[in-house]
Amino acid sequence: IPMDGEGMRVDLLEEKLRELESREEKVKFIYTIPTGQN
């Protein structure tokens, strides 16, 4: 999921999750490095 200056774009995350759910694809977890991201 693309980032901007505040971190992961949660609006784009929501869009992607809806898209994946519509295809019944299984998401296991969200991995994030929220501080000092590498």
PDB file of all heavy atoms in Angstrom:
ATOM      1  N   ILE A   1       0.855  -1.183   0.000  1.00  0.00           N
ATOM      2  CA  ILE A   1       0.000   0.000   0.000  1.00  0.00           C
ATOM      3  C   ILE A   1       0.893   1.236   0.000  1.00  0.00           C
ATOM      4  O   ILE A   1       1.761   1.373   0.869  1.00  0.00           O
ATOM      5  CB  ILE A   1      -0.929   0.025   1.233  1.00  0.00           C
ATOM      6  CG1 ILE A   1      -1.743  -1.273   1.319  1.00  0.00           C
ATOM      7  CG2 ILE A   1      -1.835   1.251   1.193  1.00  0.00           C
ATOM      8  CD1 ILE A   1      -2.656  -1.529   0.151  1.00  0.00           C
ATOM      9  N   PRO A   2       0.709   2.147  -0.956  1.00  0.00           N
ATOM     10  CA  PRO A   2       1.577   3.327  -1.033  1.00  0.00           C
ATOM     11  C   PRO A   2       1.570   4.151   0.255  1.00  0.00           C
ATOM     12  O   PRO A   2       0.617   4.114   1.038  1.00  0.00           O
ATOM     13  CB  PRO A   2       0.976   4.115  -2.195  1.00  0.00           C
ATOM     14  CG  PRO A   2       0.293   3.096  -3.035  1.00  0.00           C
ATOM     15  CD  PRO A   2      -0.246   2.085  -2.069  1.00  0.00           C
ATOM     16  N   MET A   3       2.653   4.911   0.428  1.00  0.00           N
ATOM     17  CA  MET A   3       2.826   5.762   1.597  1.00  0.00           C
ATOM     18  C   MET A   3       2.818   7.229   1.179  1.00  0.00           C
ATOM     19  O   MET A   3       3.089   7.566   0.026  1.00  0.00           O
ATOM     20  CB  MET A   3       4.162   5.456   2.284  1.00  0.00           C
ATOM     21  CG  MET A   3       4.353   4.022   2.698  1.00  0.00           C
ATOM     22  SD  MET A   3       6.010   3.739   3.397  1.00  0.00           S
ATOM     23  CE  MET A   3       5.880   4.643   4.943  1.00  0.00           C
ATOM     24  N   ASP A   4       2.527   8.083   2.154  1.00  0.00           N
ATOM     25  CA  ASP A   4       2.785   9.509   2.010  1.00  0.00           C
ATOM     26  C   ASP A   4       3.540   9.952   3.258  1.00  0.00           C
ATOM     27  O   ASP A   4       4.073   9.103   3.995  1.00  0.00           O
ATOM     28  CB  ASP A   4       1.485  10.299   1.776  1.00  0.00           C
ATOM     29  CG  ASP A   4       0.491  10.198   2.931  1.00  0.00           C
ATOM     30  OD1 ASP A   4       0.883   9.762   4.050  1.00  0.00           O
ATOM     31  OD2 ASP A   4      -0.684  10.566   2.743  1.00  0.00           O
ATOM     32  N   GLY A   5       3.605  11.237   3.514  1.00  0.00           N
ATOM     33  CA  GLY A   5       4.379  11.739   4.641  1.00  0.00           C
ATOM     34  C   GLY A   5       3.861  11.340   5.999  1.00  0.00           C
ATOM     35  O   GLY A   5       4.555  11.502   7.011  1.00  0.00           O
ATOM     36  N   GLU A   6       2.637  10.783   6.076  1.00  0.00           N
ATOM     37  CA  GLU A   6       2.064  10.338   7.352  1.00  0.00           C
ATOM     38  C   GLU A   6       2.051   8.830   7.498  1.00  0.00           C
ATOM     39  O   GLU A   6       1.524   8.300   8.466  1.00  0.00           O
ATOM     40  CB  GLU A   6       0.639  10.875   7.500  1.00  0.00           C
ATOM     41  CG  GLU A   6       0.546  12.382   7.623  1.00  0.00           C
ATOM     42  CD  GLU A   6      -0.871  12.828   7.943  1.00  0.00           C
ATOM     43  OE1 GLU A   6      -1.456  12.315   8.915  1.00  0.00           O
ATOM     44  OE2 GLU A   6      -1.397  13.682   7.206  1.00  0.00           O
ATOM     45  N   GLY A   7       2.642   8.117   6.527  1.00  0.00           N
ATOM     46  CA  GLY A   7       2.691   6.666   6.619  1.00  0.00           C
ATOM     47  C   GLY A   7       1.816   5.994   5.583  1.00  0.00           C
ATOM     48  O   GLY A   7       1.511   6.565   4.530  1.00  0.00           O
ATOM     49  N   MET A   8       1.433   4.755   5.870  1.00  0.00           N
ATOM     50  CA  MET A   8       0.599   3.998   4.944  1.00  0.00           C
ATOM     51  C   MET A   8      -0.689   4.751   4.639  1.00  0.00           C
ATOM     52  O   MET A   8      -1.346   5.256   5.541  1.00  0.00           O
ATOM     53  CB  MET A   8       0.264   2.621   5.539  1.00  0.00           C
ATOM     54  CG  MET A   8      -0.544   1.725   4.610  1.00  0.00           C
ATOM     55  SD  MET A   8      -1.118   0.188   5.403  1.00  0.00           S
ATOM     56  CE  MET A   8       0.418  -0.696   5.606  1.00  0.00           C
ATOM     57  N   ARG A   9      -1.074   4.802   3.362  1.00  0.00           N
ATOM     58  CA  ARG A   9      -2.313   5.449   2.943  1.00  0.00           C
ATOM     59  C   ARG A   9      -3.491   4.545   3.315  1.00  0.00           C
ATOM     60  O   ARG A   9      -3.832   3.598   2.593  1.00  0.00           O
ATOM     61  CB  ARG A   9      -2.286   5.700   1.444  1.00  0.00           C
ATOM     62  CG  ARG A   9      -1.361   6.823   0.980  1.00  0.00           C
ATOM     63  CD  ARG A   9      -2.036   8.182   1.085  1.00  0.00           C
ATOM     64  NE  ARG A   9      -3.296   8.218   0.337  1.00  0.00           N
ATOM     65  CZ  ARG A   9      -3.398   8.460  -0.971  1.00  0.00           C
ATOM     66  NH1 ARG A   9      -2.308   8.677  -1.697  1.00  0.00           N
ATOM     67  NH2 ARG A   9      -4.582   8.493  -1.560  1.00  0.00           N
ATOM     68  N   VAL A  10      -4.127   4.832   4.421  1.00  0.00           N
ATOM     69  CA  VAL A  10      -5.204   3.972   4.909  1.00  0.00           C
ATOM     70  C   VAL A  10      -6.411   4.009   3.974  1.00  0.00           C
ATOM     71  O   VAL A  10      -7.140   3.020   3.848  1.00  0.00           O
ATOM     72  CB  VAL A  10      -5.586   4.359   6.352  1.00  0.00           C
ATOM     73  CG1 VAL A  10      -6.787   3.558   6.841  1.00  0.00           C
ATOM     74  CG2 VAL A  10      -4.401   4.121   7.286  1.00  0.00           C
ATOM     75  N   ASP A  11      -6.629   5.137   3.282  1.00  0.00           N
ATOM     76  CA  ASP A  11      -7.734   5.185   2.326  1.00  0.00           C
ATOM     77  C   ASP A  11      -7.504   4.189   1.194  1.00  0.00           C
ATOM     78  O   ASP A  11      -8.435   3.487   0.767  1.00  0.00           O
ATOM     79  CB  ASP A  11      -7.909   6.603   1.782  1.00  0.00           C
ATOM     80  CG  ASP A  11      -6.641   7.140   1.108  1.00  0.00           C
ATOM     81  OD1 ASP A  11      -5.527   6.757   1.524  1.00  0.00           O
ATOM     82  OD2 ASP A  11      -6.764   7.963   0.173  1.00  0.00           O
ATOM     83  N   LEU A  12      -6.264   4.070   0.735  1.00  0.00           N
ATOM     84  CA  LEU A  12      -5.948   3.099  -0.314  1.00  0.00           C
ATOM     85  C   LEU A  12      -5.977   1.671   0.229  1.00  0.00           C
ATOM     86  O   LEU A  12      -6.316   0.726  -0.503  1.00  0.00           O
ATOM     87  CB  LEU A  12      -4.587   3.397  -0.924  1.00  0.00           C
ATOM     88  CG  LEU A  12      -4.453   4.769  -1.608  1.00  0.00           C
ATOM     89  CD1 LEU A  12      -3.062   4.931  -2.210  1.00  0.00           C
ATOM     90  CD2 LEU A  12      -5.525   4.948  -2.692  1.00  0.00           C
ATOM     91  N   LEU A  13      -5.621   1.516   1.487  1.00  0.00           N
ATOM     92  CA  LEU A  13      -5.726   0.204   2.128  1.00  0.00           C
ATOM     93  C   LEU A  13      -7.174  -0.282   2.127  1.00  0.00           C
ATOM     94  O   LEU A  13      -7.455  -1.438   1.781  1.00  0.00           O
ATOM     95  CB  LEU A  13      -5.188   0.274   3.561  1.00  0.00           C
ATOM     96  CG  LEU A  13      -5.459  -0.955   4.445  1.00  0.00           C
ATOM     97  CD1 LEU A  13      -4.737  -2.183   3.899  1.00  0.00           C
ATOM     98  CD2 LEU A  13      -5.039  -0.670   5.888  1.00  0.00           C
ATOM     99  N   GLU A  14      -8.106   0.600   2.496  1.00  0.00           N
ATOM    100  CA  GLU A  14      -9.523   0.228   2.502  1.00  0.00           C
ATOM    101  C   GLU A  14      -9.982  -0.192   1.116  1.00  0.00           C
ATOM    102  O   GLU A  14     -10.696  -1.197   0.952  1.00  0.00           O
ATOM    103  CB  GLU A  14     -10.368   1.391   3.009  1.00  0.00           C
ATOM    104  CG  GLU A  14     -10.243   1.640   4.502  1.00  0.00           C
ATOM    105  CD  GLU A  14     -11.236   2.674   4.980  1.00  0.00           C
ATOM    106  OE1 GLU A  14     -10.976   3.868   4.774  1.00  0.00           O
ATOM    107  OE2 GLU A  14     -12.276   2.273   5.557  1.00  0.00           O
ATOM    108  N   GLU A  15      -9.581   0.567   0.115  1.00  0.00           N
ATOM    109  CA  GLU A  15      -9.955   0.220  -1.257  1.00  0.00           C
ATOM    110  C   GLU A  15      -9.427  -1.162  -1.635  1.00  0.00           C
ATOM    111  O   GLU A  15     -10.140  -1.977  -2.242  1.00  0.00           O
ATOM    112  CB  GLU A  15      -9.410   1.260  -2.234  1.00  0.00           C
ATOM    113  CG  GLU A  15     -10.087   2.619  -2.160  1.00  0.00           C
ATOM    114  CD  GLU A  15      -9.468   3.598  -3.152  1.00  0.00           C
ATOM    115  OE1 GLU A  15      -8.700   3.144  -4.044  1.00  0.00           O
ATOM    116  OE2 GLU A  15      -9.742   4.809  -3.043  1.00  0.00           O
ATOM    117  N   LYS A  16      -8.178  -1.417  -1.305  1.00  0.00           N
ATOM    118  CA  LYS A  16      -7.571  -2.697  -1.658  1.00  0.00           C
ATOM    119  C   LYS A  16      -8.249  -3.848  -0.916  1.00  0.00           C
ATOM    120  O   LYS A  16      -8.491  -4.923  -1.508  1.00  0.00           O
ATOM    121  CB  LYS A  16      -6.075  -2.666  -1.340  1.00  0.00           C
ATOM    122  CG  LYS A  16      -5.333  -3.961  -1.645  1.00  0.00           C
ATOM    123  CD  LYS A  16      -5.477  -4.389  -3.095  1.00  0.00           C
ATOM    124  CE  LYS A  16      -4.736  -3.472  -4.034  1.00  0.00           C
ATOM    125  NZ  LYS A  16      -4.749  -4.005  -5.421  1.00  0.00           N
ATOM    126  N   LEU A  17      -8.569  -3.656   0.358  1.00  0.00           N
ATOM    127  CA  LEU A  17      -9.235  -4.717   1.115  1.00  0.00           C
ATOM    128  C   LEU A  17     -10.601  -5.038   0.531  1.00  0.00           C
ATOM    129  O   LEU A  17     -10.994  -6.210   0.431  1.00  0.00           O
ATOM    130  CB  LEU A  17      -9.354  -4.315   2.591  1.00  0.00           C
ATOM    131  CG  LEU A  17      -8.046  -4.307   3.390  1.00  0.00           C
ATOM    132  CD1 LEU A  17      -8.281  -3.754   4.787  1.00  0.00           C
ATOM    133  CD2 LEU A  17      -7.446  -5.712   3.467  1.00  0.00           C
ATOM    134  N   ARG A  18     -11.354  -4.018   0.149  1.00  0.00           N
ATOM    135  CA  ARG A  18     -12.668  -4.261  -0.462  1.00  0.00           C
ATOM    136  C   ARG A  18     -12.514  -5.028  -1.781  1.00  0.00           C
ATOM    137  O   ARG A  18     -13.301  -5.938  -2.079  1.00  0.00           O
ATOM    138  CB  ARG A  18     -13.401  -2.931  -0.687  1.00  0.00           C
ATOM    139  CG  ARG A  18     -13.941  -2.315   0.592  1.00  0.00           C
ATOM    140  CD  ARG A  18     -14.958  -1.230   0.284  1.00  0.00           C
ATOM    141  NE  ARG A  18     -14.352  -0.082  -0.399  1.00  0.00           N
ATOM    142  CZ  ARG A  18     -13.860   0.976   0.223  1.00  0.00           C
ATOM    143  NH1 ARG A  18     -13.886   1.043   1.553  1.00  0.00           N
ATOM    144  NH2 ARG A  18     -13.342   1.988  -0.460  1.00  0.00           N
ATOM    145  N   GLU A  19     -11.491  -4.648  -2.531  1.00  0.00           N
ATOM    146  CA  GLU A  19     -11.236  -5.335  -3.805  1.00  0.00           C
ATOM    147  C   GLU A  19     -10.901  -6.809  -3.572  1.00  0.00           C
ATOM    148  O   GLU A  19     -11.428  -7.705  -4.252  1.00  0.00           O
ATOM    149  CB  GLU A  19     -10.085  -4.637  -4.527  1.00  0.00           C
ATOM    150  CG  GLU A  19      -9.627  -5.332  -5.796  1.00  0.00           C
ATOM    151  CD  GLU A  19      -8.305  -4.758  -6.312  1.00  0.00           C
ATOM    152  OE1 GLU A  19      -8.074  -3.535  -6.138  1.00  0.00           O
ATOM    153  OE2 GLU A  19      -7.512  -5.538  -6.863  1.00  0.00           O
ATOM    154  N   LEU A  20     -10.026  -7.078  -2.608  1.00  0.00           N
ATOM    155  CA  LEU A  20      -9.625  -8.454  -2.323  1.00  0.00           C
ATOM    156  C   LEU A  20     -10.799  -9.268  -1.785  1.00  0.00           C
ATOM    157  O   LEU A  20     -10.974 -10.442  -2.147  1.00  0.00           O
ATOM    158  CB  LEU A  20      -8.458  -8.468  -1.332  1.00  0.00           C
ATOM    159  CG  LEU A  20      -7.137  -7.866  -1.842  1.00  0.00           C
ATOM    160  CD1 LEU A  20      -6.146  -7.712  -0.704  1.00  0.00           C
ATOM    161  CD2 LEU A  20      -6.544  -8.731  -2.950  1.00  0.00           C
ATOM    162  N   GLU A  21     -11.587  -8.653  -0.905  1.00  0.00           N
ATOM    163  CA  GLU A  21     -12.739  -9.351  -0.342  1.00  0.00           C
ATOM    164  C   GLU A  21     -13.768  -9.680  -1.419  1.00  0.00           C
ATOM    165  O   GLU A  21     -14.410 -10.736  -1.375  1.00  0.00           O
ATOM    166  CB  GLU A  21     -13.369  -8.511   0.770  1.00  0.00           C
ATOM    167  CG  GLU A  21     -12.513  -8.472   2.038  1.00  0.00           C
ATOM    168  CD  GLU A  21     -12.967  -7.401   3.017  1.00  0.00           C
ATOM    169  OE1 GLU A  21     -13.924  -6.659   2.697  1.00  0.00           O
ATOM    170  OE2 GLU A  21     -12.357  -7.304   4.097  1.00  0.00           O
ATOM    171  N   SER A  22     -13.921  -8.797  -2.400  1.00  0.00           N
ATOM    172  CA  SER A  22     -14.879  -9.051  -3.475  1.00  0.00           C
ATOM    173  C   SER A  22     -14.476 -10.272  -4.296  1.00  0.00           C
ATOM    174  O   SER A  22     -15.318 -10.931  -4.912  1.00  0.00           O
ATOM    175  CB  SER A  22     -15.003  -7.820  -4.380  1.00  0.00           C
ATOM    176  OG  SER A  22     -13.828  -7.646  -5.168  1.00  0.00           O
ATOM    177  N   ARG A  23     -13.159 -10.584  -4.287  1.00  0.00           N
ATOM    178  CA  ARG A  23     -12.663 -11.761  -5.013  1.00  0.00           C
ATOM    179  C   ARG A  23     -12.466 -12.946  -4.067  1.00  0.00           C
ATOM    180  O   ARG A  23     -11.913 -13.970  -4.472  1.00  0.00           O
ATOM    181  CB  ARG A  23     -11.342 -11.426  -5.711  1.00  0.00           C
ATOM    182  CG  ARG A  23     -11.461 -10.323  -6.752  1.00  0.00           C
ATOM    183  CD  ARG A  23     -10.287 -10.377  -7.737  1.00  0.00           C
ATOM    184  NE  ARG A  23      -8.996 -10.208  -7.061  1.00  0.00           N
ATOM    185  CZ  ARG A  23      -8.302  -9.074  -7.049  1.00  0.00           C
ATOM    186  NH1 ARG A  23      -8.801  -7.990  -7.621  1.00  0.00           N
ATOM    187  NH2 ARG A  23      -7.133  -9.006  -6.444  1.00  0.00           N
ATOM    188  N   GLU A  24     -12.878 -12.767  -2.792  1.00  0.00           N
ATOM    189  CA  GLU A  24     -12.776 -13.820  -1.776  1.00  0.00           C
ATOM    190  C   GLU A  24     -11.329 -14.280  -1.598  1.00  0.00           C
ATOM    191  O   GLU A  24     -11.048 -15.463  -1.420  1.00  0.00           O
ATOM    192  CB  GLU A  24     -13.685 -15.002  -2.115  1.00  0.00           C
ATOM    193  CG  GLU A  24     -15.161 -14.625  -2.140  1.00  0.00           C
ATOM    194  CD  GLU A  24     -16.062 -15.832  -2.372  1.00  0.00           C
ATOM    195  OE1 GLU A  24     -15.541 -16.901  -2.743  1.00  0.00           O
ATOM    196  OE2 GLU A  24     -17.275 -15.683  -2.166  1.00  0.00           O
ATOM    197  N   GLU A  25     -10.402 -13.319  -1.632  1.00  0.00           N
ATOM    198  CA  GLU A  25      -8.994 -13.621  -1.406  1.00  0.00           C
ATOM    199  C   GLU A  25      -8.661 -13.379   0.058  1.00  0.00           C
ATOM    200  O   GLU A  25      -9.100 -12.412   0.662  1.00  0.00           O
ATOM    201  CB  GLU A  25      -8.117 -12.765  -2.323  1.00  0.00           C
ATOM    202  CG  GLU A  25      -8.355 -13.062  -3.797  1.00  0.00           C
ATOM    203  CD  GLU A  25      -7.338 -12.382  -4.691  1.00  0.00           C
ATOM    204  OE1 GLU A  25      -6.187 -12.854  -4.719  1.00  0.00           O
ATOM    205  OE2 GLU A  25      -7.682 -11.386  -5.332  1.00  0.00           O
ATOM    206  N   LYS A  26      -7.845 -14.257   0.612  1.00  0.00           N
ATOM    207  CA  LYS A  26      -7.576 -14.281   2.050  1.00  0.00           C
ATOM    208  C   LYS A  26      -6.386 -13.404   2.425  1.00  0.00           C
ATOM    209  O   LYS A  26      -5.260 -13.628   1.973  1.00  0.00           O
ATOM    210  CB  LYS A  26      -7.289 -15.719   2.500  1.00  0.00           C
ATOM    211  CG  LYS A  26      -6.977 -15.879   3.968  1.00  0.00           C
ATOM    212  CD  LYS A  26      -8.164 -15.555   4.845  1.00  0.00           C
ATOM    213  CE  LYS A  26      -7.871 -15.830   6.314  1.00  0.00           C
ATOM    214  NZ  LYS A  26      -9.000 -15.434   7.183  1.00  0.00           N
ATOM    215  N   VAL A  27      -6.640 -12.403   3.260  1.00  0.00           N
ATOM    216  CA  VAL A  27      -5.576 -11.573   3.833  1.00  0.00           C
ATOM    217  C   VAL A  27      -5.292 -12.083   5.232  1.00  0.00           C
ATOM    218  O   VAL A  27      -6.201 -12.191   6.062  1.00  0.00           O
ATOM    219  CB  VAL A  27      -5.986 -10.088   3.881  1.00  0.00           C
ATOM    220  CG1 VAL A  27      -4.901  -9.259   4.575  1.00  0.00           C
ATOM    221  CG2 VAL A  27      -6.248  -9.557   2.474  1.00  0.00           C
ATOM    222  N   LYS A  28      -4.026 -12.384   5.536  1.00  0.00           N
ATOM    223  CA  LYS A  28      -3.675 -12.918   6.845  1.00  0.00           C
ATOM    224  C   LYS A  28      -3.389 -11.822   7.870  1.00  0.00           C
ATOM    225  O   LYS A  28      -3.806 -11.904   9.009  1.00  0.00           O
ATOM    226  CB  LYS A  28      -2.468 -13.860   6.726  1.00  0.00           C
ATOM    227  CG  LYS A  28      -2.873 -15.312   6.454  1.00  0.00           C
ATOM    228  CD  LYS A  28      -3.660 -15.916   7.619  1.00  0.00           C
ATOM    229  CE  LYS A  28      -4.223 -17.287   7.308  1.00  0.00           C
ATOM    230  NZ  LYS A  28      -3.208 -18.337   7.268  1.00  0.00           N
ATOM    231  N   PHE A  29      -2.617 -10.801   7.486  1.00  0.00           N
ATOM    232  CA  PHE A  29      -2.335  -9.719   8.424  1.00  0.00           C
ATOM    233  C   PHE A  29      -1.780  -8.518   7.680  1.00  0.00           C
ATOM    234  O   PHE A  29      -1.423  -8.600   6.502  1.00  0.00           O
ATOM    235  CB  PHE A  29      -1.369 -10.168   9.537  1.00  0.00           C
ATOM    236  CG  PHE A  29      -0.047 -10.711   9.069  1.00  0.00           C
ATOM    237  CD1 PHE A  29       1.010  -9.869   8.763  1.00  0.00           C
ATOM    238  CD2 PHE A  29       0.150 -12.080   8.963  1.00  0.00           C
ATOM    239  CE1 PHE A  29       2.232 -10.361   8.351  1.00  0.00           C
ATOM    240  CE2 PHE A  29       1.372 -12.598   8.547  1.00  0.00           C
ATOM    241  CZ  PHE A  29       2.413 -11.745   8.242  1.00  0.00           C
ATOM    242  N   ILE A  30      -1.706  -7.407   8.411  1.00  0.00           N
ATOM    243  CA  ILE A  30      -1.103  -6.163   7.919  1.00  0.00           C
ATOM    244  C   ILE A  30       0.214  -5.982   8.663  1.00  0.00           C
ATOM    245  O   ILE A  30       0.235  -5.957   9.900  1.00  0.00           O
ATOM    246  CB  ILE A  30      -2.017  -4.955   8.180  1.00  0.00           C
ATOM    247  CG1 ILE A  30      -3.372  -5.136   7.492  1.00  0.00           C
ATOM    248  CG2 ILE A  30      -1.346  -3.663   7.718  1.00  0.00           C
ATOM    249  CD1 ILE A  30      -4.419  -4.132   7.957  1.00  0.00           C
ATOM    250  N   TYR A  31       1.295  -5.853   7.927  1.00  0.00           N
ATOM    251  CA  TYR A  31       2.614  -5.640   8.519  1.00  0.00           C
ATOM    252  C   TYR A  31       3.005  -4.179   8.331  1.00  0.00           C
ATOM    253  O   TYR A  31       2.967  -3.657   7.210  1.00  0.00           O
ATOM    254  CB  TYR A  31       3.637  -6.557   7.845  1.00  0.00           C
ATOM    255  CG  TYR A  31       5.077  -6.266   8.212  1.00  0.00           C
ATOM    256  CD1 TYR A  31       5.611  -6.694   9.423  1.00  0.00           C
ATOM    257  CD2 TYR A  31       5.913  -5.563   7.339  1.00  0.00           C
ATOM    258  CE1 TYR A  31       6.932  -6.437   9.753  1.00  0.00           C
ATOM    259  CE2 TYR A  31       7.234  -5.312   7.649  1.00  0.00           C
ATOM    260  CZ  TYR A  31       7.752  -5.746   8.860  1.00  0.00           C
ATOM    261  OH  TYR A  31       9.055  -5.485   9.192  1.00  0.00           O
ATOM    262  N   THR A  32       3.387  -3.534   9.416  1.00  0.00           N
ATOM    263  CA  THR A  32       3.750  -2.121   9.342  1.00  0.00           C
ATOM    264  C   THR A  32       4.948  -1.813  10.229  1.00  0.00           C
ATOM    265  O   THR A  32       5.146  -2.436  11.280  1.00  0.00           O
ATOM    266  CB  THR A  32       2.563  -1.224   9.746  1.00  0.00           C
ATOM    267  OG1 THR A  32       2.946   0.155   9.697  1.00  0.00           O
ATOM    268  CG2 THR A  32       2.072  -1.527  11.152  1.00  0.00           C
ATOM    269  N   ILE A  33       5.756  -0.859   9.783  1.00  0.00           N
ATOM    270  CA  ILE A  33       6.859  -0.301  10.592  1.00  0.00           C
ATOM    271  C   ILE A  33       6.496   1.164  10.800  1.00  0.00           C
ATOM    272  O   ILE A  33       6.930   2.034  10.041  1.00  0.00           O
ATOM    273  CB  ILE A  33       8.217  -0.427   9.877  1.00  0.00           C
ATOM    274  CG1 ILE A  33       8.416  -1.831   9.316  1.00  0.00           C
ATOM    275  CG2 ILE A  33       9.363  -0.048  10.835  1.00  0.00           C
ATOM    276  CD1 ILE A  33       9.623  -1.964   8.402  1.00  0.00           C
ATOM    277  N   PRO A  34       5.693   1.489  11.800  1.00  0.00           N
ATOM    278  CA  PRO A  34       5.129   2.834  11.875  1.00  0.00           C
ATOM    279  C   PRO A  34       6.097   3.929  12.305  1.00  0.00           C
ATOM    280  O   PRO A  34       5.847   5.104  12.037  1.00  0.00           O
ATOM    281  CB  PRO A  34       3.983   2.681  12.879  1.00  0.00           C
ATOM    282  CG  PRO A  34       4.355   1.501  13.707  1.00  0.00           C
ATOM    283  CD  PRO A  34       5.127   0.589  12.825  1.00  0.00           C
ATOM    284  N   THR A  35       7.191   3.569  12.959  1.00  0.00           N
ATOM    285  CA  THR A  35       8.128   4.588  13.447  1.00  0.00           C
ATOM    286  C   THR A  35       9.478   4.437  12.774  1.00  0.00           C
ATOM    287  O   THR A  35      10.085   3.361  12.819  1.00  0.00           O
ATOM    288  CB  THR A  35       8.282   4.479  14.977  1.00  0.00           C
ATOM    289  OG1 THR A  35       7.011   4.681  15.600  1.00  0.00           O
ATOM    290  CG2 THR A  35       9.268   5.519  15.499  1.00  0.00           C
ATOM    291  N   GLY A  36       9.947   5.512  12.109  1.00  0.00           N
ATOM    292  CA  GLY A  36      11.245   5.472  11.445  1.00  0.00           C
ATOM    293  C   GLY A  36      11.301   4.400  10.369  1.00  0.00           C
ATOM    294  O   GLY A  36      12.294   3.688  10.241  1.00  0.00           O
ATOM    295  N   GLN A  37      10.258   4.299   9.575  1.00  0.00           N
ATOM    296  CA  GLN A  37      10.074   3.182   8.647  1.00  0.00           C
ATOM    297  C   GLN A  37      11.297   2.922   7.777  1.00  0.00           C
ATOM    298  O   GLN A  37      11.940   3.845   7.287  1.00  0.00           O
ATOM    299  CB  GLN A  37       8.837   3.453   7.771  1.00  0.00           C
ATOM    300  CG  GLN A  37       8.248   2.209   7.142  1.00  0.00           C
ATOM    301  CD  GLN A  37       8.579   2.049   5.672  1.00  0.00           C
ATOM    302  OE1 GLN A  37       9.398   2.772   5.111  1.00  0.00           O
ATOM    303  NE2 GLN A  37       7.936   1.095   5.025  1.00  0.00           N
ATOM    304  N   ASN A  38      11.626   1.662   7.632  1.00  0.00           N
ATOM    305  CA  ASN A  38      12.712   1.222   6.767  1.00  0.00           C
ATOM    306  C   ASN A  38      12.097   0.699   5.477  1.00  0.00           C
ATOM    307  O   ASN A  38      11.313  -0.248   5.514  1.00  0.00           O
ATOM    308  CB  ASN A  38      13.489   0.103   7.468  1.00  0.00           C
ATOM    309  CG  ASN A  38      14.686  -0.393   6.681  1.00  0.00           C
ATOM    310  OD1 ASN A  38      14.967   0.060   5.584  1.00  0.00           O
ATOM    311  ND2 ASN A  38      15.391  -1.361   7.255  1.00  0.00           N
TER     312      ASN A  38
END
